[in-house]
Amino acid sequence: TTLFRSPGCPYKHYSMFYDYYGDFNYADKWVSAALAGEEMSFSSGKHGPNDFSALGDSARVEATKKGTAYMHVWMYAVREFEDAIDDCHTCESECNEFSVNSGSVHAWDEGVAFYTGSLEGEEAGGASGGKMVYRLAEKRCQNFGTCGLHGDSLSGTSYVNHELFELFAEGARLLERGECASVRPVVDSIVSLMTVPLVQGSLRYAWKIGTGADRSQKNAAEGATFSAAVLPLVHYCNPAAAETVSSQMKFGLYDAGTYPDFASAKGALEEVYPCLGITCAH
């Protein structure tokens, strides 16, 4: 409900998820059913049904872990960036160009904190024990060769995180100056970059299962959950592309001996890259 109490609500990207799943609590429904080992379906009927009572423990574990970090926390980080814009527009104290606009900047910092997670520590580049989206970007850049300042290396800080922290700093500076309207394109760029690791995760497990490179119930579960985290954005861009990805990646297919056609899933995702604000280089 907090998502609908602010002047900017319903927020742009959250609306895409609600429109796709038909549930305000889409992520809670997913993780709660996985924890309880129960069957669940989204109100829209999309990307399901998901019968966690029959899918096995690997499915429950991955749906819980990845669903918490990449469905719940991913969106809550975005929510804090939106909240910062709201606070900037409705500021009642410390609101002139010579102040720190502490309310909006504090909300912005919370978004960065949710994205990063406390387990990353204070050292540059973080720590491998991190669990939030920052760490996902670090892991996937090693898989895809998108680490480093130019996004073409297998090691070093991921290009996504390098670019995101530049945008995080830029957004904070704009908020401090009370330049509220200028923060909107920054948030849109941030969300695009935050989407890259979700696409990479979906591609990684579509490849592992689809090509037979590494078929396991765990990997299939990761693919189903990664795709759940990104499908609403894909659907907003192209409903047919989202249907293709879901039909290749959703829960239950692996147990039935049905594996994704990697080329189809990859092609459907690549089709919406321009709309998502990302590139093949990303």
Protein backbone atom coordinates (compact mmCIF):
# COMPACT_ATOMS: atom_id res chain seq x y z
CA THR A 1 0.00 0.00 0.00
CA THR A 2 2.92 2.38 0.55
CA LEU A 3 3.39 2.34 -3.21
CA PHE A 4 0.12 4.22 -3.63
CA ARG A 5 0.47 6.83 -0.89
CA SER A 6 2.94 9.05 -2.67
CA PRO A 7 2.10 11.77 -5.21
CA GLY A 8 3.96 10.03 -8.04
CA CYS A 9 2.02 6.79 -7.69
CA PRO A 10 1.35 4.44 -9.25
CA TYR A 11 4.97 4.40 -10.22
CA LYS A 12 5.87 3.79 -13.84
CA HIS A 13 7.74 0.51 -13.57
CA TYR A 14 5.64 -0.92 -10.77
CA SER A 15 2.59 -0.38 -12.96
CA MET A 16 4.15 -2.64 -15.58
CA PHE A 17 4.44 -5.44 -13.02
CA TYR A 18 0.89 -4.95 -11.77
CA ASP A 19 -0.43 -4.89 -15.32
CA TYR A 20 1.37 -8.14 -16.12
CA TYR A 21 0.63 -10.14 -12.97
CA GLY A 22 -2.69 -8.58 -11.93
CA ASP A 23 -1.58 -8.56 -8.29
CA PHE A 24 -0.28 -5.71 -6.18
CA ASN A 25 1.56 -8.30 -4.06
CA TYR A 26 2.89 -10.35 -6.98
CA ALA A 27 6.32 -10.92 -5.40
CA ASP A 28 4.87 -11.76 -1.99
CA LYS A 29 2.52 -14.32 -3.56
CA TRP A 30 5.45 -15.96 -5.34
CA VAL A 31 7.85 -16.18 -2.39
CA SER A 32 5.19 -17.03 0.20
CA ALA A 33 3.91 -19.96 -1.87
CA ALA A 34 7.46 -21.21 -2.39
CA LEU A 35 8.19 -21.01 1.34
CA ALA A 36 4.97 -22.80 2.23
CA GLY A 37 5.24 -25.38 -0.54
CA GLU A 38 1.84 -24.43 -1.92
CA GLU A 39 0.35 -23.91 -5.35
CA MET A 40 -0.04 -20.37 -6.62
CA SER A 41 -1.19 -18.55 -9.71
CA PHE A 42 -1.08 -14.89 -10.54
CA SER A 43 -4.46 -13.23 -11.01
CA SER A 44 -3.63 -12.62 -14.67
CA GLY A 45 -2.91 -16.31 -15.18
CA LYS A 46 0.49 -15.46 -16.68
CA HIS A 47 3.74 -17.33 -15.95
CA GLY A 48 2.03 -20.14 -14.11
CA PRO A 49 0.46 -22.02 -12.45
CA ASN A 50 3.31 -22.71 -10.06
CA ASP A 51 2.63 -25.72 -7.87
CA PHE A 52 5.42 -25.57 -5.32
CA SER A 53 3.92 -28.58 -3.53
CA ALA A 54 4.98 -30.72 -6.48
CA LEU A 55 7.97 -28.87 -7.97
CA GLY A 56 10.52 -30.03 -5.40
CA ASP A 57 12.82 -28.33 -2.92
CA SER A 58 15.18 -26.90 -5.55
CA ALA A 59 12.31 -24.95 -7.07
CA ARG A 60 11.20 -23.70 -3.68
CA VAL A 61 14.70 -22.61 -2.67
CA GLU A 62 15.45 -20.73 -5.88
CA ALA A 63 12.01 -19.12 -6.06
CA THR A 64 12.44 -17.94 -2.48
CA LYS A 65 16.03 -16.69 -2.71
CA LYS A 66 15.94 -15.17 -6.18
CA GLY A 67 12.36 -14.00 -5.77
CA THR A 68 13.25 -12.11 -2.60
CA ALA A 69 16.33 -10.40 -4.05
CA TYR A 70 15.28 -9.87 -7.66
CA MET A 71 11.51 -9.41 -7.43
CA HIS A 72 11.02 -7.77 -4.01
CA VAL A 73 14.27 -5.88 -3.41
CA TRP A 74 14.79 -4.92 -7.07
CA MET A 75 11.44 -3.14 -7.11
CA TYR A 76 11.88 -1.61 -3.67
CA ALA A 77 15.14 -0.01 -4.76
CA VAL A 78 13.26 1.51 -7.69
CA ARG A 79 10.53 2.61 -5.30
CA GLU A 80 13.05 4.55 -3.21
CA PHE A 81 14.36 6.38 -6.28
CA GLU A 82 10.76 7.31 -7.14
CA ASP A 83 10.17 8.37 -3.55
CA ALA A 84 13.17 10.68 -3.79
CA ILE A 85 11.55 12.43 -6.76
CA ASP A 86 8.26 12.69 -4.83
CA ASP A 87 10.06 14.17 -1.82
CA CYS A 88 11.86 16.63 -4.06
CA HIS A 89 8.61 17.85 -5.63
CA THR A 90 6.75 18.08 -2.31
CA CYS A 91 9.62 19.39 -0.21
CA GLU A 92 8.52 21.60 2.72
CA SER A 93 11.89 22.37 4.33
CA GLU A 94 15.48 22.73 3.13
CA CYS A 95 14.09 23.14 -0.36
CA ASN A 96 16.14 25.86 -1.98
CA GLU A 97 19.12 25.51 -4.25
CA PHE A 98 21.55 26.19 -1.40
CA SER A 99 20.32 23.35 0.85
CA VAL A 100 20.96 19.61 0.91
CA ASN A 101 17.26 18.72 0.41
CA SER A 102 17.88 16.03 3.00
CA GLY A 103 14.55 14.21 2.67
CA SER A 104 14.84 13.41 -1.02
CA VAL A 105 18.56 12.65 -0.82
CA HIS A 106 17.95 10.29 2.11
CA ALA A 107 15.34 8.37 0.10
CA TRP A 108 17.77 8.21 -2.82
CA ASP A 109 20.49 6.81 -0.55
CA GLU A 110 18.05 4.16 0.67
CA GLY A 111 17.53 3.05 -2.92
CA VAL A 112 21.28 2.67 -3.38
CA ALA A 113 21.46 0.74 -0.09
CA PHE A 114 18.70 -1.68 -1.11
CA TYR A 115 20.35 -2.21 -4.49
CA THR A 116 23.73 -2.91 -2.89
CA GLY A 117 22.99 -4.69 0.40
CA SER A 118 24.91 -4.47 3.67
CA LEU A 119 26.92 -7.67 3.07
CA GLU A 120 28.96 -5.88 0.38
CA GLY A 121 30.79 -3.99 3.13
CA GLU A 122 32.61 -0.70 2.68
CA GLU A 123 35.50 -1.59 0.36
CA ALA A 124 35.44 -0.56 -3.29
CA GLY A 125 33.95 -3.34 -5.38
CA GLY A 126 32.16 -4.91 -2.45
CA ALA A 127 32.54 -8.43 -1.13
CA SER A 128 31.67 -11.76 -2.72
CA GLY A 129 29.27 -12.52 0.13
CA GLY A 130 26.75 -9.95 -1.10
CA LYS A 131 23.24 -11.16 -1.98
CA MET A 132 21.44 -8.25 -3.59
CA VAL A 133 21.26 -6.98 -7.17
CA TYR A 134 24.74 -5.40 -7.02
CA ARG A 135 26.25 -8.86 -6.49
CA LEU A 136 24.11 -10.37 -9.24
CA ALA A 137 25.55 -7.83 -11.69
CA GLU A 138 29.05 -8.81 -10.55
CA LYS A 139 28.40 -12.53 -11.07
CA ARG A 140 26.74 -12.16 -14.44
CA CYS A 141 29.45 -9.89 -15.85
CA GLN A 142 31.94 -12.71 -15.29
CA ASN A 143 29.63 -15.12 -17.16
CA PHE A 144 29.04 -12.75 -20.08
CA GLY A 145 32.37 -10.93 -20.29
CA THR A 146 30.77 -7.59 -19.44
CA CYS A 147 33.03 -6.54 -16.57
CA GLY A 148 35.35 -3.55 -16.54
CA LEU A 149 35.04 0.09 -17.53
CA HIS A 150 34.32 -0.84 -21.14
CA GLY A 151 32.14 -3.88 -20.43
CA ASP A 152 34.42 -6.24 -22.35
CA SER A 153 36.28 -8.09 -19.60
CA LEU A 154 35.80 -11.27 -17.55
CA SER A 155 37.03 -9.61 -14.37
CA GLY A 156 36.81 -6.37 -12.46
CA THR A 157 33.74 -4.43 -11.39
CA SER A 158 30.81 -4.99 -13.73
CA TYR A 159 30.16 -2.32 -16.32
CA VAL A 160 26.56 -2.17 -15.05
CA ASN A 161 27.65 -1.33 -11.51
CA HIS A 162 30.26 1.16 -12.68
CA GLU A 163 27.65 3.01 -14.72
CA LEU A 164 24.99 2.73 -12.00
CA PHE A 165 27.16 4.33 -9.35
CA GLU A 166 27.88 7.20 -11.70
CA LEU A 167 24.11 7.65 -12.08
CA PHE A 168 23.55 7.25 -8.33
CA ALA A 169 25.99 10.12 -7.73
CA GLU A 170 24.43 12.25 -10.46
CA GLY A 171 20.93 11.75 -9.05
CA ALA A 172 22.05 12.74 -5.57
CA ARG A 173 23.67 15.91 -6.90
CA LEU A 174 20.51 16.89 -8.79
CA LEU A 175 18.34 16.26 -5.72
CA GLU A 176 20.66 18.32 -3.54
CA ARG A 177 20.14 21.21 -5.94
CA GLY A 178 16.39 20.67 -6.03
CA GLU A 179 16.41 19.96 -9.77
CA CYS A 180 13.56 17.49 -9.42
CA ALA A 181 12.52 17.12 -13.06
CA SER A 182 16.07 16.34 -14.12
CA VAL A 183 16.10 13.21 -11.93
CA ARG A 184 13.40 11.43 -13.99
CA PRO A 185 15.68 10.47 -16.93
CA VAL A 186 18.33 9.40 -14.43
CA VAL A 187 15.89 6.97 -12.80
CA ASP A 188 14.87 5.61 -16.19
CA SER A 189 18.53 4.98 -17.05
CA ILE A 190 19.07 3.34 -13.68
CA VAL A 191 16.15 0.95 -14.18
CA SER A 192 17.42 0.02 -17.64
CA LEU A 193 20.84 -0.88 -16.24
CA MET A 194 19.25 -2.73 -13.30
CA THR A 195 17.39 -4.82 -15.86
CA VAL A 196 20.58 -6.07 -17.53
CA PRO A 197 21.46 -8.69 -14.84
CA LEU A 198 17.87 -10.00 -14.93
CA VAL A 199 18.11 -10.48 -18.70
CA GLN A 200 21.53 -12.08 -18.30
CA GLY A 201 20.16 -14.47 -15.69
CA SER A 202 17.27 -15.44 -17.94
CA LEU A 203 19.63 -16.02 -20.88
CA ARG A 204 22.12 -17.98 -18.77
CA TYR A 205 19.61 -20.56 -17.60
CA ALA A 206 17.72 -20.74 -20.88
CA TRP A 207 21.08 -21.68 -22.40
CA LYS A 208 22.03 -24.17 -19.70
CA ILE A 209 18.72 -26.03 -19.94
CA GLY A 210 17.94 -25.46 -23.59
CA THR A 211 21.28 -26.59 -25.00
CA GLY A 212 21.72 -29.40 -22.50
CA ALA A 213 24.93 -27.81 -21.22
CA ASP A 214 23.87 -28.17 -17.58
CA ARG A 215 20.38 -29.53 -17.05
CA SER A 216 19.17 -29.70 -13.47
CA GLN A 217 16.03 -28.89 -11.55
CA LYS A 218 17.94 -26.12 -9.75
CA ASN A 219 18.98 -24.43 -12.98
CA ALA A 220 15.47 -24.70 -14.39
CA ALA A 221 14.14 -23.09 -11.21
CA GLU A 222 16.62 -20.24 -11.51
CA GLY A 223 15.53 -19.66 -15.10
CA ALA A 224 11.87 -19.60 -14.13
CA THR A 225 12.53 -17.07 -11.37
CA PHE A 226 14.85 -14.81 -13.37
CA SER A 227 12.27 -14.67 -16.13
CA ALA A 228 9.54 -13.90 -13.58
CA ALA A 229 11.59 -10.89 -12.46
CA VAL A 230 11.91 -9.43 -15.97
CA LEU A 231 8.78 -10.60 -17.86
CA PRO A 232 6.58 -7.60 -16.92
CA LEU A 233 9.12 -5.24 -18.50
CA VAL A 234 9.32 -7.43 -21.60
CA HIS A 235 5.52 -7.60 -21.80
CA TYR A 236 5.23 -3.82 -21.63
CA CYS A 237 7.49 -3.65 -24.67
CA ASN A 238 6.10 -6.61 -26.61
CA PRO A 239 3.44 -9.01 -25.23
CA ALA A 240 4.27 -11.67 -27.83
CA ALA A 241 7.93 -11.64 -26.81
CA ALA A 242 6.96 -12.06 -23.15
CA GLU A 243 4.71 -14.98 -24.01
CA THR A 244 7.56 -16.65 -25.88
CA VAL A 245 9.95 -16.27 -22.95
CA SER A 246 7.39 -17.47 -20.40
CA SER A 247 6.38 -20.44 -22.51
CA GLN A 248 10.02 -21.52 -22.64
CA MET A 249 11.00 -20.77 -19.04
CA LYS A 250 8.11 -21.22 -16.62
CA PHE A 251 7.99 -23.74 -13.79
CA GLY A 252 6.80 -27.27 -14.50
CA LEU A 253 8.28 -27.60 -17.98
CA TYR A 254 11.52 -29.18 -16.83
CA ASP A 255 9.76 -31.80 -14.71
CA ALA A 256 7.66 -32.69 -17.76
CA GLY A 257 10.81 -33.15 -19.86
CA THR A 258 10.21 -30.01 -21.89
CA TYR A 259 13.27 -27.80 -22.37
CA PRO A 260 13.46 -24.24 -23.70
CA ASP A 261 14.38 -23.49 -27.27
CA PHE A 262 17.28 -21.21 -26.46
CA ALA A 263 17.28 -19.43 -29.81
CA SER A 264 13.60 -18.53 -29.42
CA ALA A 265 13.99 -17.24 -25.86
CA LYS A 266 17.13 -15.28 -26.77
CA GLY A 267 15.51 -13.80 -29.87
CA ALA A 268 12.43 -12.71 -27.95
CA LEU A 269 14.54 -10.94 -25.34
CA GLU A 270 16.80 -9.30 -27.91
CA GLU A 271 13.74 -7.98 -29.72
CA VAL A 272 12.88 -5.73 -26.77
CA TYR A 273 16.39 -4.49 -25.92
CA PRO A 274 15.81 -1.06 -27.50
CA CYS A 275 12.54 -0.64 -25.61
CA LEU A 276 14.19 -1.72 -22.34
CA GLY A 277 16.93 0.86 -22.93
CA ILE A 278 19.70 -1.73 -23.13
CA THR A 279 21.99 -3.07 -25.84
CA CYS A 280 23.61 -6.36 -26.83
CA ALA A 281 26.87 -4.84 -25.58
CA HIS A 282 25.28 -4.49 -22.13
